[in-house]
Amino acid sequence: MNKTELVKRLSKQSKLSQKDCLLCLNAFKEVLTASLQRGEMVSLAGFGKFYMKHYKERKSYNPQTQKICSLNARYLPVFKASGALKSKI
């Protein structure tokens, strides 16, 4: 499912216009991004939580060049599904 299909399904389910659903989806994406940039966790009861996870620097193998390279330490966004969501799937 892509963004357009998601907006159509949200519109049908909520009985809101597609334009309103698109605005809500874009607003959610912006708020989520800003919260994660500040290091905050976003938790939605019954759905899951979004947070930033720290990965240490490590060595890795590049199969294209066949050399060992170093990957810098970094933070990456993570989603962890709740038990309620897992049980429904």
C-alpha atoms as a PDB file:
ATOM      1  CA  MET A   1       0.000   0.000   0.000  1.00  0.00           C
ATOM      2  CA  ASN A   2       1.344   3.420  -0.880  1.00  0.00           C
ATOM      3  CA  LYS A   3       0.465   6.852   0.508  1.00  0.00           C
ATOM      4  CA  THR A   4      -2.371   7.475  -1.984  1.00  0.00           C
ATOM      5  CA  GLU A   5      -4.031   4.136  -1.222  1.00  0.00           C
ATOM      6  CA  LEU A   6      -3.650   4.762   2.517  1.00  0.00           C
ATOM      7  CA  VAL A   7      -5.330   8.176   2.208  1.00  0.00           C
ATOM      8  CA  LYS A   8      -8.212   6.633   0.243  1.00  0.00           C
ATOM      9  CA  ARG A   9      -8.753   3.923   2.861  1.00  0.00           C
ATOM     10  CA  LEU A  10      -8.540   6.434   5.714  1.00  0.00           C
ATOM     11  CA  SER A  11     -11.089   8.610   3.942  1.00  0.00           C
ATOM     12  CA  LYS A  12     -13.478   5.727   3.451  1.00  0.00           C
ATOM     13  CA  GLN A  13     -13.082   4.459   7.041  1.00  0.00           C
ATOM     14  CA  SER A  14     -13.352   7.865   8.731  1.00  0.00           C
ATOM     15  CA  LYS A  15     -15.870   9.454   6.350  1.00  0.00           C
ATOM     16  CA  LEU A  16     -13.569  12.472   6.009  1.00  0.00           C
ATOM     17  CA  SER A  17     -12.473  13.915   2.691  1.00  0.00           C
ATOM     18  CA  GLN A  18      -9.284  12.646   1.105  1.00  0.00           C
ATOM     19  CA  LYS A  19      -7.859  16.160   1.387  1.00  0.00           C
ATOM     20  CA  ASP A  20      -8.456  16.193   5.162  1.00  0.00           C
ATOM     21  CA  CYS A  21      -6.951  12.721   5.547  1.00  0.00           C
ATOM     22  CA  LEU A  22      -3.893  13.772   3.560  1.00  0.00           C
ATOM     23  CA  LEU A  23      -3.454  16.852   5.770  1.00  0.00           C
ATOM     24  CA  CYS A  24      -3.701  14.687   8.906  1.00  0.00           C
ATOM     25  CA  LEU A  25      -1.230  12.144   7.566  1.00  0.00           C
ATOM     26  CA  ASN A  26       1.274  14.855   6.613  1.00  0.00           C
ATOM     27  CA  ALA A  27       0.854  16.545  10.006  1.00  0.00           C
ATOM     28  CA  PHE A  28       1.404  13.211  11.790  1.00  0.00           C
ATOM     29  CA  LYS A  29       4.574  12.626   9.761  1.00  0.00           C
ATOM     30  CA  GLU A  30       5.922  16.106  10.600  1.00  0.00           C
ATOM     31  CA  VAL A  31       5.129  15.820  14.317  1.00  0.00           C
ATOM     32  CA  LEU A  32       6.650  12.340  14.492  1.00  0.00           C
ATOM     33  CA  THR A  33       9.813  13.473  12.698  1.00  0.00           C
ATOM     34  CA  ALA A  34      10.233  16.530  14.926  1.00  0.00           C
ATOM     35  CA  SER A  35       9.692  14.461  18.080  1.00  0.00           C
ATOM     36  CA  LEU A  36      12.253  11.848  17.033  1.00  0.00           C
ATOM     37  CA  GLN A  37      14.767  14.594  16.169  1.00  0.00           C
ATOM     38  CA  ARG A  38      14.406  15.870  19.756  1.00  0.00           C
ATOM     39  CA  GLY A  39      15.019  12.336  21.065  1.00  0.00           C
ATOM     40  CA  GLU A  40      11.455  11.843  22.295  1.00  0.00           C
ATOM     41  CA  MET A  41       9.636   8.532  22.110  1.00  0.00           C
ATOM     42  CA  VAL A  42       6.179   8.554  20.499  1.00  0.00           C
ATOM     43  CA  SER A  43       3.925   5.876  21.963  1.00  0.00           C
ATOM     44  CA  LEU A  44       0.464   4.997  20.630  1.00  0.00           C
ATOM     45  CA  ALA A  45      -1.423   2.675  22.992  1.00  0.00           C
ATOM     46  CA  GLY A  46      -2.564  -0.497  21.251  1.00  0.00           C
ATOM     47  CA  PHE A  47      -0.369   0.236  18.208  1.00  0.00           C
ATOM     48  CA  GLY A  48       3.284   0.626  19.162  1.00  0.00           C
ATOM     49  CA  LYS A  49       6.073   3.082  19.766  1.00  0.00           C
ATOM     50  CA  PHE A  50       8.563   5.004  17.659  1.00  0.00           C
ATOM     51  CA  TYR A  51      11.969   5.872  19.100  1.00  0.00           C
ATOM     52  CA  MET A  52      15.604   6.483  18.153  1.00  0.00           C
ATOM     53  CA  LYS A  53      18.080   3.655  18.734  1.00  0.00           C
ATOM     54  CA  HIS A  54      21.832   4.161  19.051  1.00  0.00           C
ATOM     55  CA  TYR A  55      24.114   1.853  17.062  1.00  0.00           C
ATOM     56  CA  LYS A  56      27.815   1.691  17.989  1.00  0.00           C
ATOM     57  CA  GLU A  57      30.642   2.088  15.501  1.00  0.00           C
ATOM     58  CA  ARG A  58      31.545  -1.247  13.924  1.00  0.00           C
ATOM     59  CA  LYS A  59      33.523  -2.885  11.184  1.00  0.00           C
ATOM     60  CA  SER A  60      31.700  -4.175   8.118  1.00  0.00           C
ATOM     61  CA  TYR A  61      32.530  -5.928   4.856  1.00  0.00           C
ATOM     62  CA  ASN A  62      31.834  -4.302   1.492  1.00  0.00           C
ATOM     63  CA  PRO A  63      31.193  -7.166  -0.960  1.00  0.00           C
ATOM     64  CA  GLN A  64      31.536  -4.876  -3.982  1.00  0.00           C
ATOM     65  CA  THR A  65      35.089  -3.750  -3.186  1.00  0.00           C
ATOM     66  CA  GLN A  66      35.918  -6.778  -0.998  1.00  0.00           C
ATOM     67  CA  LYS A  67      37.327  -4.508   1.693  1.00  0.00           C
ATOM     68  CA  ILE A  68      36.580  -4.071   5.352  1.00  0.00           C
ATOM     69  CA  CYS A  69      35.163  -0.640   6.136  1.00  0.00           C
ATOM     70  CA  SER A  70      34.114   1.174   9.269  1.00  0.00           C
ATOM     71  CA  LEU A  71      30.510   2.191   9.934  1.00  0.00           C
ATOM     72  CA  ASN A  72      30.183   5.271  12.139  1.00  0.00           C
ATOM     73  CA  ALA A  73      28.096   5.323  15.287  1.00  0.00           C
ATOM     74  CA  ARG A  74      24.605   6.595  14.527  1.00  0.00           C
ATOM     75  CA  TYR A  75      21.014   6.915  15.665  1.00  0.00           C
ATOM     76  CA  LEU A  76      18.259   5.352  13.570  1.00  0.00           C
ATOM     77  CA  PRO A  77      14.462   5.473  13.955  1.00  0.00           C
ATOM     78  CA  VAL A  78      12.824   2.250  15.159  1.00  0.00           C
ATOM     79  CA  PHE A  79       9.200   1.107  15.416  1.00  0.00           C
ATOM     80  CA  LYS A  80       8.221  -1.532  17.946  1.00  0.00           C
ATOM     81  CA  ALA A  81       4.716  -2.981  17.600  1.00  0.00           C
ATOM     82  CA  SER A  82       2.590  -3.394  20.732  1.00  0.00           C
ATOM     83  CA  GLY A  83       1.350  -6.765  21.938  1.00  0.00           C
ATOM     84  CA  ALA A  84      -2.201  -5.843  20.943  1.00  0.00           C
ATOM     85  CA  LEU A  85      -1.129  -5.138  17.358  1.00  0.00           C
ATOM     86  CA  LYS A  86       0.954  -8.319  17.194  1.00  0.00           C
ATOM     87  CA  SER A  87      -1.972 -10.432  18.388  1.00  0.00           C
ATOM     88  CA  LYS A  88      -4.263  -8.995  15.677  1.00  0.00           C
ATOM     89  CA  ILE A  89      -1.819  -9.765  12.882  1.00  0.00           C
END
